[in-house]
């Protein structure tokens, strides 16, 4: 089973709201994790997507992106959200698909190195969900923290520090 499949299973097994929303993960060519969820499982009484579903799908996308970055480098770390800010910009009447704004490669490398060498790293991510016209309907800015499991060492660091 590849890393993305394991991550999908973990999200479904350990995040009940993700399971209820029907969230599926995919990996885009740029290395960003995309979360998708069906409209019918997330609609409200107004025929639009429930605000809580928008939040959960974006939060899971950020969590999954952070976990993916850590796990794909061979590290074992727990990921939690530290801060979340949201903007509900327009009603959504379609399936939910996230778009991740990945930080620059140097920022991602510093994050992974912090987890590997200091045991803890923070990552700022922006997740957007667009309407049928490609306009942003929902925006999520969050800080995710990865804390290395005790005794975990960076497999890329031969000195074991």
N, C-alpha and C. Protein backbone atom coordinates (compact mmCIF):
# COMPACT_ATOMS: atom_id res chain seq x y z
N UNK A 1 0.85 -1.18 0.00
CA UNK A 1 0.00 0.00 0.00
C UNK A 1 0.90 1.24 0.00
N UNK A 2 0.63 2.20 -0.90
CA UNK A 2 1.48 3.38 -0.95
C UNK A 2 1.09 4.37 0.13
N UNK A 3 1.91 5.41 0.26
CA UNK A 3 1.75 6.40 1.33
C UNK A 3 0.41 7.11 1.27
N UNK A 4 -0.05 7.47 0.06
CA UNK A 4 -1.32 8.17 -0.06
C UNK A 4 -2.49 7.27 0.35
N UNK A 5 -2.43 6.01 -0.01
CA UNK A 5 -3.49 5.07 0.40
C UNK A 5 -3.52 4.93 1.93
N UNK A 6 -2.34 4.84 2.55
CA UNK A 6 -2.28 4.75 4.02
C UNK A 6 -2.85 6.02 4.65
N UNK A 7 -2.52 7.15 4.07
CA UNK A 7 -3.03 8.42 4.59
C UNK A 7 -4.54 8.49 4.43
N UNK A 8 -5.07 8.06 3.29
CA UNK A 8 -6.52 8.03 3.07
C UNK A 8 -7.20 7.15 4.12
N UNK A 9 -6.64 5.98 4.35
CA UNK A 9 -7.22 5.06 5.34
C UNK A 9 -7.18 5.68 6.73
N UNK A 10 -6.07 6.33 7.07
CA UNK A 10 -5.95 6.96 8.39
C UNK A 10 -6.99 8.07 8.56
N UNK A 11 -7.15 8.90 7.56
CA UNK A 11 -8.14 9.97 7.63
C UNK A 11 -9.54 9.39 7.82
N UNK A 12 -9.88 8.38 7.05
CA UNK A 12 -11.21 7.76 7.15
C UNK A 12 -11.42 7.07 8.50
N UNK A 13 -10.37 6.43 9.01
CA UNK A 13 -10.50 5.68 10.26
C UNK A 13 -10.46 6.56 11.50
N UNK A 14 -9.67 7.64 11.47
CA UNK A 14 -9.41 8.41 12.68
C UNK A 14 -10.10 9.78 12.74
N UNK A 15 -10.73 10.19 11.64
CA UNK A 15 -11.43 11.49 11.64
C UNK A 15 -12.87 11.23 11.22
N UNK A 16 -13.75 10.98 12.19
CA UNK A 16 -15.15 10.63 11.87
C UNK A 16 -15.85 11.64 10.96
N UNK A 17 -15.58 12.93 11.13
CA UNK A 17 -16.22 13.93 10.27
C UNK A 17 -15.76 13.79 8.82
N UNK A 18 -14.51 13.40 8.62
CA UNK A 18 -14.02 13.18 7.26
C UNK A 18 -14.73 12.01 6.61
N UNK A 19 -14.94 10.98 7.39
CA UNK A 19 -15.66 9.80 6.88
C UNK A 19 -17.10 10.18 6.54
N UNK A 20 -17.76 10.92 7.42
CA UNK A 20 -19.15 11.33 7.19
C UNK A 20 -19.28 12.23 5.95
N UNK A 21 -18.28 13.07 5.73
CA UNK A 21 -18.30 13.98 4.57
C UNK A 21 -17.93 13.27 3.28
N UNK A 22 -17.41 12.05 3.37
CA UNK A 22 -17.02 11.31 2.17
C UNK A 22 -15.74 11.82 1.54
N UNK A 23 -14.83 12.32 2.34
CA UNK A 23 -13.60 12.91 1.82
C UNK A 23 -12.68 11.85 1.23
N UNK A 24 -12.20 12.15 0.02
CA UNK A 24 -11.20 11.32 -0.67
C UNK A 24 -9.99 12.21 -0.95
N UNK A 25 -8.82 11.63 -0.83
CA UNK A 25 -7.58 12.37 -1.07
C UNK A 25 -6.98 12.00 -2.42
N UNK A 26 -6.30 12.96 -3.03
CA UNK A 26 -5.57 12.73 -4.28
C UNK A 26 -4.31 13.57 -4.22
N UNK A 27 -3.32 13.17 -5.00
CA UNK A 27 -2.06 13.90 -5.05
C UNK A 27 -1.93 14.54 -6.41
N UNK A 28 -1.74 15.85 -6.43
CA UNK A 28 -1.57 16.58 -7.68
C UNK A 28 -0.12 16.51 -8.15
N UNK A 29 0.12 16.86 -9.39
CA UNK A 29 1.45 16.77 -10.00
C UNK A 29 2.47 17.65 -9.28
N UNK A 30 2.02 18.75 -8.66
CA UNK A 30 2.94 19.65 -7.97
C UNK A 30 3.27 19.18 -6.54
N UNK A 31 2.74 18.02 -6.14
CA UNK A 31 2.99 17.50 -4.81
C UNK A 31 1.99 17.95 -3.77
N UNK A 32 0.97 18.67 -4.20
CA UNK A 32 -0.05 19.10 -3.24
C UNK A 32 -1.12 18.02 -3.11
N UNK A 33 -1.61 17.89 -1.89
CA UNK A 33 -2.68 16.95 -1.61
C UNK A 33 -4.00 17.67 -1.83
N UNK A 34 -4.89 17.01 -2.54
CA UNK A 34 -6.22 17.56 -2.82
C UNK A 34 -7.24 16.71 -2.06
N UNK A 35 -8.20 17.37 -1.43
CA UNK A 35 -9.31 16.68 -0.78
C UNK A 35 -10.57 16.96 -1.58
N UNK A 36 -11.37 15.92 -1.77
CA UNK A 36 -12.62 16.04 -2.51
C UNK A 36 -13.73 15.41 -1.69
N UNK A 37 -14.93 15.96 -1.82
CA UNK A 37 -16.09 15.42 -1.12
C UNK A 37 -17.34 15.66 -1.97
N UNK A 38 -18.27 14.71 -1.95
CA UNK A 38 -19.47 14.83 -2.78
C UNK A 38 -20.46 15.87 -2.23
N UNK A 39 -21.18 16.49 -3.14
CA UNK A 39 -22.16 17.50 -2.77
C UNK A 39 -23.27 16.92 -1.90
N UNK A 40 -23.86 15.80 -2.31
CA UNK A 40 -25.03 15.26 -1.60
C UNK A 40 -24.77 14.97 -0.13
N UNK A 41 -23.58 14.52 0.22
CA UNK A 41 -23.27 14.20 1.61
C UNK A 41 -23.00 15.46 2.43
N UNK A 42 -22.91 16.62 1.77
CA UNK A 42 -22.50 17.85 2.45
C UNK A 42 -23.45 19.03 2.23
N UNK A 43 -24.63 18.76 1.70
CA UNK A 43 -25.56 19.86 1.42
C UNK A 43 -26.36 20.22 2.65
N UNK A 44 -26.81 21.45 2.68
CA UNK A 44 -27.64 21.93 3.79
C UNK A 44 -29.08 22.14 3.33
N UNK A 45 -29.90 22.68 4.20
CA UNK A 45 -31.31 22.88 3.88
C UNK A 45 -31.56 23.94 2.81
N UNK A 46 -30.53 24.71 2.47
CA UNK A 46 -30.66 25.75 1.45
C UNK A 46 -30.22 25.28 0.06
N UNK A 47 -29.79 24.02 -0.02
CA UNK A 47 -29.33 23.50 -1.30
C UNK A 47 -27.91 23.91 -1.65
N UNK A 48 -27.17 24.34 -0.63
CA UNK A 48 -25.76 24.69 -0.82
C UNK A 48 -24.93 23.81 0.12
N UNK A 49 -23.63 23.91 0.00
CA UNK A 49 -22.75 23.13 0.87
C UNK A 49 -22.79 23.71 2.28
N UNK A 50 -22.92 22.84 3.25
CA UNK A 50 -22.92 23.20 4.67
C UNK A 50 -21.57 23.83 5.02
N UNK A 51 -21.60 24.94 5.75
CA UNK A 51 -20.37 25.64 6.11
C UNK A 51 -19.39 24.76 6.87
N UNK A 52 -19.90 23.92 7.74
CA UNK A 52 -19.03 23.01 8.49
C UNK A 52 -18.32 22.02 7.58
N UNK A 53 -18.97 21.62 6.51
CA UNK A 53 -18.33 20.71 5.55
C UNK A 53 -17.19 21.40 4.83
N UNK A 54 -17.37 22.66 4.45
CA UNK A 54 -16.29 23.41 3.83
C UNK A 54 -15.08 23.44 4.75
N UNK A 55 -15.34 23.74 6.02
CA UNK A 55 -14.27 23.80 7.01
C UNK A 55 -13.56 22.45 7.15
N UNK A 56 -14.34 21.38 7.31
CA UNK A 56 -13.76 20.05 7.52
C UNK A 56 -12.94 19.61 6.31
N UNK A 57 -13.44 19.81 5.11
CA UNK A 57 -12.70 19.39 3.91
C UNK A 57 -11.38 20.17 3.81
N UNK A 58 -11.42 21.47 4.06
CA UNK A 58 -10.19 22.26 4.00
C UNK A 58 -9.22 21.87 5.11
N UNK A 59 -9.73 21.67 6.31
CA UNK A 59 -8.89 21.27 7.44
C UNK A 59 -8.23 19.92 7.17
N UNK A 60 -9.00 18.96 6.67
CA UNK A 60 -8.44 17.65 6.35
C UNK A 60 -7.38 17.78 5.25
N UNK A 61 -7.61 18.64 4.27
CA UNK A 61 -6.61 18.84 3.21
C UNK A 61 -5.30 19.36 3.80
N UNK A 62 -5.39 20.33 4.70
CA UNK A 62 -4.18 20.87 5.34
C UNK A 62 -3.49 19.84 6.21
N UNK A 63 -4.26 19.10 6.99
CA UNK A 63 -3.71 18.03 7.81
C UNK A 63 -3.01 17.00 6.93
N UNK A 64 -3.71 16.56 5.87
CA UNK A 64 -3.16 15.53 4.99
C UNK A 64 -1.90 16.03 4.29
N UNK A 65 -1.89 17.29 3.86
CA UNK A 65 -0.70 17.85 3.21
C UNK A 65 0.49 17.82 4.16
N UNK A 66 0.28 18.26 5.39
CA UNK A 66 1.35 18.29 6.37
C UNK A 66 1.83 16.88 6.68
N UNK A 67 0.90 15.96 6.89
CA UNK A 67 1.26 14.57 7.17
C UNK A 67 2.00 13.96 5.99
N UNK A 68 1.56 14.26 4.78
CA UNK A 68 2.20 13.75 3.56
C UNK A 68 3.66 14.21 3.48
N UNK A 69 3.90 15.48 3.75
CA UNK A 69 5.26 16.01 3.69
C UNK A 69 6.18 15.30 4.68
N UNK A 70 5.68 15.05 5.87
CA UNK A 70 6.48 14.40 6.90
C UNK A 70 6.70 12.92 6.55
N UNK A 71 5.62 12.22 6.27
CA UNK A 71 5.68 10.78 6.02
C UNK A 71 6.48 10.44 4.77
N UNK A 72 6.34 11.24 3.72
CA UNK A 72 7.04 10.94 2.47
C UNK A 72 8.54 11.12 2.59
N UNK A 73 9.01 11.76 3.66
CA UNK A 73 10.45 11.88 3.89
C UNK A 73 10.94 10.80 4.86
N UNK A 74 10.06 9.91 5.28
CA UNK A 74 10.45 8.81 6.16
C UNK A 74 10.36 9.11 7.63
N UNK A 75 9.81 10.26 7.99
CA UNK A 75 9.68 10.62 9.40
C UNK A 75 8.34 10.15 9.96
N UNK A 76 8.28 10.00 11.27
CA UNK A 76 7.05 9.63 11.96
C UNK A 76 6.71 10.79 12.89
N UNK A 77 5.60 11.46 12.64
CA UNK A 77 5.23 12.62 13.44
C UNK A 77 3.71 12.73 13.55
N UNK A 78 3.27 13.28 14.66
CA UNK A 78 1.86 13.58 14.87
C UNK A 78 1.60 14.99 14.35
N UNK A 79 0.52 15.16 13.63
CA UNK A 79 0.18 16.46 13.06
C UNK A 79 -1.13 16.96 13.68
N UNK A 80 -1.12 18.22 14.10
CA UNK A 80 -2.32 18.86 14.64
C UNK A 80 -2.44 20.26 14.04
N UNK A 81 -3.65 20.79 14.07
CA UNK A 81 -3.85 22.17 13.64
C UNK A 81 -3.65 23.07 14.86
N UNK A 82 -2.90 24.14 14.67
CA UNK A 82 -2.64 25.08 15.75
C UNK A 82 -3.51 26.34 15.61
N UNK A 83 -3.73 26.75 14.37
CA UNK A 83 -4.50 27.97 14.11
C UNK A 83 -5.27 27.78 12.82
N UNK A 84 -6.49 28.30 12.80
CA UNK A 84 -7.29 28.24 11.57
C UNK A 84 -8.12 29.52 11.45
N UNK A 85 -8.07 30.11 10.28
CA UNK A 85 -8.91 31.26 9.95
C UNK A 85 -9.62 30.94 8.65
N UNK A 86 -10.91 31.26 8.59
CA UNK A 86 -11.68 30.94 7.40
C UNK A 86 -12.43 32.15 6.88
N UNK A 87 -12.71 32.10 5.59
CA UNK A 87 -13.53 33.12 4.94
C UNK A 87 -14.53 32.40 4.04
N UNK A 88 -15.79 32.61 4.34
CA UNK A 88 -16.88 32.07 3.53
C UNK A 88 -17.27 33.17 2.55
N UNK A 89 -16.91 33.01 1.29
CA UNK A 89 -17.03 34.10 0.32
C UNK A 89 -18.26 34.00 -0.57
N UNK A 90 -18.74 32.79 -0.83
CA UNK A 90 -19.91 32.62 -1.70
C UNK A 90 -20.50 31.24 -1.46
N UNK A 91 -21.81 31.09 -1.67
CA UNK A 91 -22.41 29.76 -1.53
C UNK A 91 -21.84 28.81 -2.59
N UNK A 92 -21.79 27.55 -2.24
CA UNK A 92 -21.27 26.54 -3.15
C UNK A 92 -22.37 25.51 -3.40
N UNK A 93 -22.61 25.20 -4.66
CA UNK A 93 -23.67 24.26 -5.04
C UNK A 93 -23.11 23.12 -5.88
N UNK A 94 -21.98 22.60 -5.47
CA UNK A 94 -21.30 21.54 -6.22
C UNK A 94 -20.43 20.73 -5.28
N UNK A 95 -19.85 19.67 -5.80
CA UNK A 95 -18.91 18.87 -5.03
C UNK A 95 -17.74 19.75 -4.59
N UNK A 96 -17.15 19.39 -3.49
CA UNK A 96 -16.05 20.16 -2.94
C UNK A 96 -14.72 19.60 -3.43
N UNK A 97 -13.86 20.48 -3.92
CA UNK A 97 -12.51 20.11 -4.33
C UNK A 97 -11.58 21.21 -3.86
N UNK A 98 -10.57 20.82 -3.09
CA UNK A 98 -9.64 21.82 -2.56
C UNK A 98 -8.51 22.09 -3.54
N UNK A 99 -7.96 23.27 -3.39
CA UNK A 99 -6.74 23.66 -4.11
C UNK A 99 -5.78 24.19 -3.05
N UNK A 100 -4.61 23.62 -3.00
CA UNK A 100 -3.61 23.97 -1.99
C UNK A 100 -2.63 24.97 -2.55
N UNK A 101 -2.35 26.02 -1.80
CA UNK A 101 -1.27 26.94 -2.15
C UNK A 101 -0.04 26.49 -1.38
N UNK A 102 0.82 25.71 -2.04
CA UNK A 102 2.02 25.22 -1.37
C UNK A 102 3.04 26.34 -1.19
N UNK A 103 3.69 26.37 -0.03
CA UNK A 103 4.79 27.32 0.15
C UNK A 103 5.95 26.96 -0.78
N UNK A 104 6.90 27.86 -0.88
CA UNK A 104 8.09 27.62 -1.71
C UNK A 104 8.84 26.40 -1.18
N UNK A 105 9.63 25.78 -2.08
CA UNK A 105 10.38 24.57 -1.73
C UNK A 105 11.28 24.78 -0.52
N UNK A 106 11.90 25.95 -0.39
CA UNK A 106 12.79 26.21 0.74
C UNK A 106 12.03 26.21 2.06
N UNK A 107 10.80 26.71 2.05
CA UNK A 107 9.97 26.72 3.26
C UNK A 107 9.60 25.29 3.64
N UNK A 108 9.24 24.49 2.65
CA UNK A 108 8.89 23.09 2.91
C UNK A 108 10.10 22.33 3.46
N UNK A 109 11.27 22.59 2.89
CA UNK A 109 12.49 21.93 3.36
C UNK A 109 12.81 22.32 4.80
N UNK A 110 12.65 23.60 5.15
CA UNK A 110 12.89 24.05 6.53
C UNK A 110 11.93 23.38 7.50
N UNK A 111 10.67 23.22 7.07
CA UNK A 111 9.68 22.55 7.91
C UNK A 111 10.10 21.12 8.20
N UNK A 112 10.43 20.36 7.16
CA UNK A 112 10.83 18.96 7.33
C UNK A 112 12.10 18.87 8.18
N UNK A 113 13.07 19.75 7.93
CA UNK A 113 14.30 19.73 8.72
C UNK A 113 14.02 20.06 10.19
N UNK A 114 13.11 20.97 10.46
CA UNK A 114 12.76 21.29 11.85
C UNK A 114 12.19 20.07 12.56
N UNK A 115 11.31 19.34 11.88
CA UNK A 115 10.74 18.13 12.47
C UNK A 115 11.84 17.10 12.69
N UNK A 116 12.70 16.94 11.70
CA UNK A 116 13.75 15.93 11.78
C UNK A 116 14.80 16.24 12.85
N UNK A 117 15.17 17.50 12.98
CA UNK A 117 16.30 17.84 13.87
C UNK A 117 15.88 18.42 15.21
N UNK A 118 14.75 19.10 15.27
CA UNK A 118 14.31 19.68 16.54
C UNK A 118 13.09 18.96 17.11
N UNK A 119 12.52 18.06 16.30
CA UNK A 119 11.38 17.29 16.77
C UNK A 119 10.04 17.98 16.62
N UNK A 120 10.04 19.18 16.04
CA UNK A 120 8.79 19.93 15.90
C UNK A 120 8.94 20.96 14.79
N UNK A 121 7.91 21.06 13.96
CA UNK A 121 7.91 22.06 12.90
C UNK A 121 6.52 22.61 12.68
N UNK A 122 6.45 23.85 12.19
CA UNK A 122 5.17 24.50 11.89
C UNK A 122 5.12 24.81 10.41
N UNK A 123 3.91 24.66 9.85
CA UNK A 123 3.72 24.91 8.44
C UNK A 123 2.44 25.72 8.24
N UNK A 124 2.56 26.84 7.53
CA UNK A 124 1.42 27.69 7.19
C UNK A 124 0.90 27.26 5.83
N UNK A 125 -0.40 26.97 5.74
CA UNK A 125 -1.00 26.54 4.48
C UNK A 125 -2.27 27.32 4.20
N UNK A 126 -2.52 27.55 2.92
CA UNK A 126 -3.78 28.14 2.48
C UNK A 126 -4.47 27.11 1.58
N UNK A 127 -5.75 26.88 1.88
CA UNK A 127 -6.57 25.94 1.11
C UNK A 127 -7.77 26.72 0.59
N UNK A 128 -8.07 26.52 -0.70
CA UNK A 128 -9.22 27.20 -1.30
C UNK A 128 -10.16 26.17 -1.90
N UNK A 129 -11.44 26.52 -1.90
CA UNK A 129 -12.46 25.72 -2.59
C UNK A 129 -13.18 26.68 -3.52
N UNK A 130 -13.23 26.32 -4.81
CA UNK A 130 -13.78 27.21 -5.82
C UNK A 130 -15.18 26.77 -6.26
N UNK A 131 -15.92 27.74 -6.81
CA UNK A 131 -17.24 27.45 -7.37
C UNK A 131 -17.09 26.99 -8.82
N UNK A 132 -18.20 26.80 -9.51
CA UNK A 132 -18.17 26.31 -10.89
C UNK A 132 -17.43 27.24 -11.85
N UNK A 133 -17.38 28.52 -11.53
CA UNK A 133 -16.72 29.49 -12.39
C UNK A 133 -15.24 29.67 -12.05
N UNK A 134 -14.76 28.92 -11.06
CA UNK A 134 -13.36 29.02 -10.67
C UNK A 134 -13.08 30.10 -9.64
N UNK A 135 -14.13 30.78 -9.19
CA UNK A 135 -13.96 31.81 -8.18
C UNK A 135 -13.90 31.17 -6.80
N UNK A 136 -13.08 31.72 -5.92
CA UNK A 136 -12.94 31.17 -4.57
C UNK A 136 -14.23 31.38 -3.79
N UNK A 137 -14.82 30.28 -3.33
CA UNK A 137 -16.03 30.33 -2.51
C UNK A 137 -15.70 30.24 -1.02
N UNK A 138 -14.55 29.61 -0.71
CA UNK A 138 -14.14 29.40 0.67
C UNK A 138 -12.62 29.39 0.74
N UNK A 139 -12.10 30.03 1.77
CA UNK A 139 -10.65 30.08 1.95
C UNK A 139 -10.31 29.76 3.40
N UNK A 140 -9.29 28.93 3.57
CA UNK A 140 -8.85 28.47 4.88
C UNK A 140 -7.35 28.74 4.99
N UNK A 141 -6.95 29.49 6.01
CA UNK A 141 -5.53 29.69 6.31
C UNK A 141 -5.27 29.02 7.64
N UNK A 142 -4.28 28.14 7.68
CA UNK A 142 -4.02 27.42 8.91
C UNK A 142 -2.55 27.21 9.17
N UNK A 143 -2.25 27.00 10.45
CA UNK A 143 -0.92 26.61 10.88
C UNK A 143 -1.04 25.19 11.39
N UNK A 144 -0.22 24.31 10.83
CA UNK A 144 -0.19 22.91 11.24
C UNK A 144 1.15 22.63 11.91
N UNK A 145 1.11 21.87 12.99
CA UNK A 145 2.32 21.54 13.74
C UNK A 145 2.54 20.03 13.65
N UNK A 146 3.76 19.65 13.32
CA UNK A 146 4.16 18.25 13.31
C UNK A 146 5.17 18.04 14.43
N UNK A 147 4.89 17.07 15.28
CA UNK A 147 5.79 16.73 16.40
C UNK A 147 6.27 15.30 16.20
N UNK A 148 7.58 15.14 16.11
CA UNK A 148 8.16 13.82 15.87
C UNK A 148 7.88 12.89 17.03
N UNK A 149 7.65 11.64 16.70
CA UNK A 149 7.46 10.63 17.73
C UNK A 149 8.76 10.50 18.52
N UNK A 150 8.67 10.21 19.83
CA UNK A 150 9.89 10.08 20.64
C UNK A 150 10.84 9.04 20.05
N UNK A 151 12.11 9.41 20.03
CA UNK A 151 13.12 8.48 19.55
C UNK A 151 13.26 8.41 18.04
N UNK A 152 12.46 9.17 17.31
CA UNK A 152 12.54 9.15 15.85
C UNK A 152 13.73 10.00 15.42
N UNK A 153 14.52 9.46 14.51
CA UNK A 153 15.63 10.22 13.97
C UNK A 153 15.44 10.37 12.46
N UNK A 154 16.03 11.38 11.93
CA UNK A 154 15.94 11.66 10.52
C UNK A 154 16.69 10.59 9.72
N UNK A 155 16.00 9.82 8.87
CA UNK A 155 16.68 8.79 8.10
C UNK A 155 17.69 9.36 7.10
N UNK A 156 17.59 10.65 6.80
CA UNK A 156 18.53 11.28 5.87
C UNK A 156 19.78 11.79 6.58
N UNK A 157 19.77 11.76 7.92
CA UNK A 157 20.87 12.31 8.70
C UNK A 157 21.72 11.17 9.24
N UNK A 158 22.87 10.95 8.64
CA UNK A 158 23.72 9.82 9.01
C UNK A 158 24.26 9.92 10.42
N UNK A 159 24.34 11.16 10.97
CA UNK A 159 24.90 11.31 12.31
C UNK A 159 23.91 10.93 13.40
N UNK A 160 22.61 10.83 13.03
CA UNK A 160 21.58 10.45 14.01
C UNK A 160 21.15 11.58 14.91
N UNK A 161 21.52 12.82 14.60
CA UNK A 161 21.13 13.94 15.45
C UNK A 161 19.75 14.43 15.13
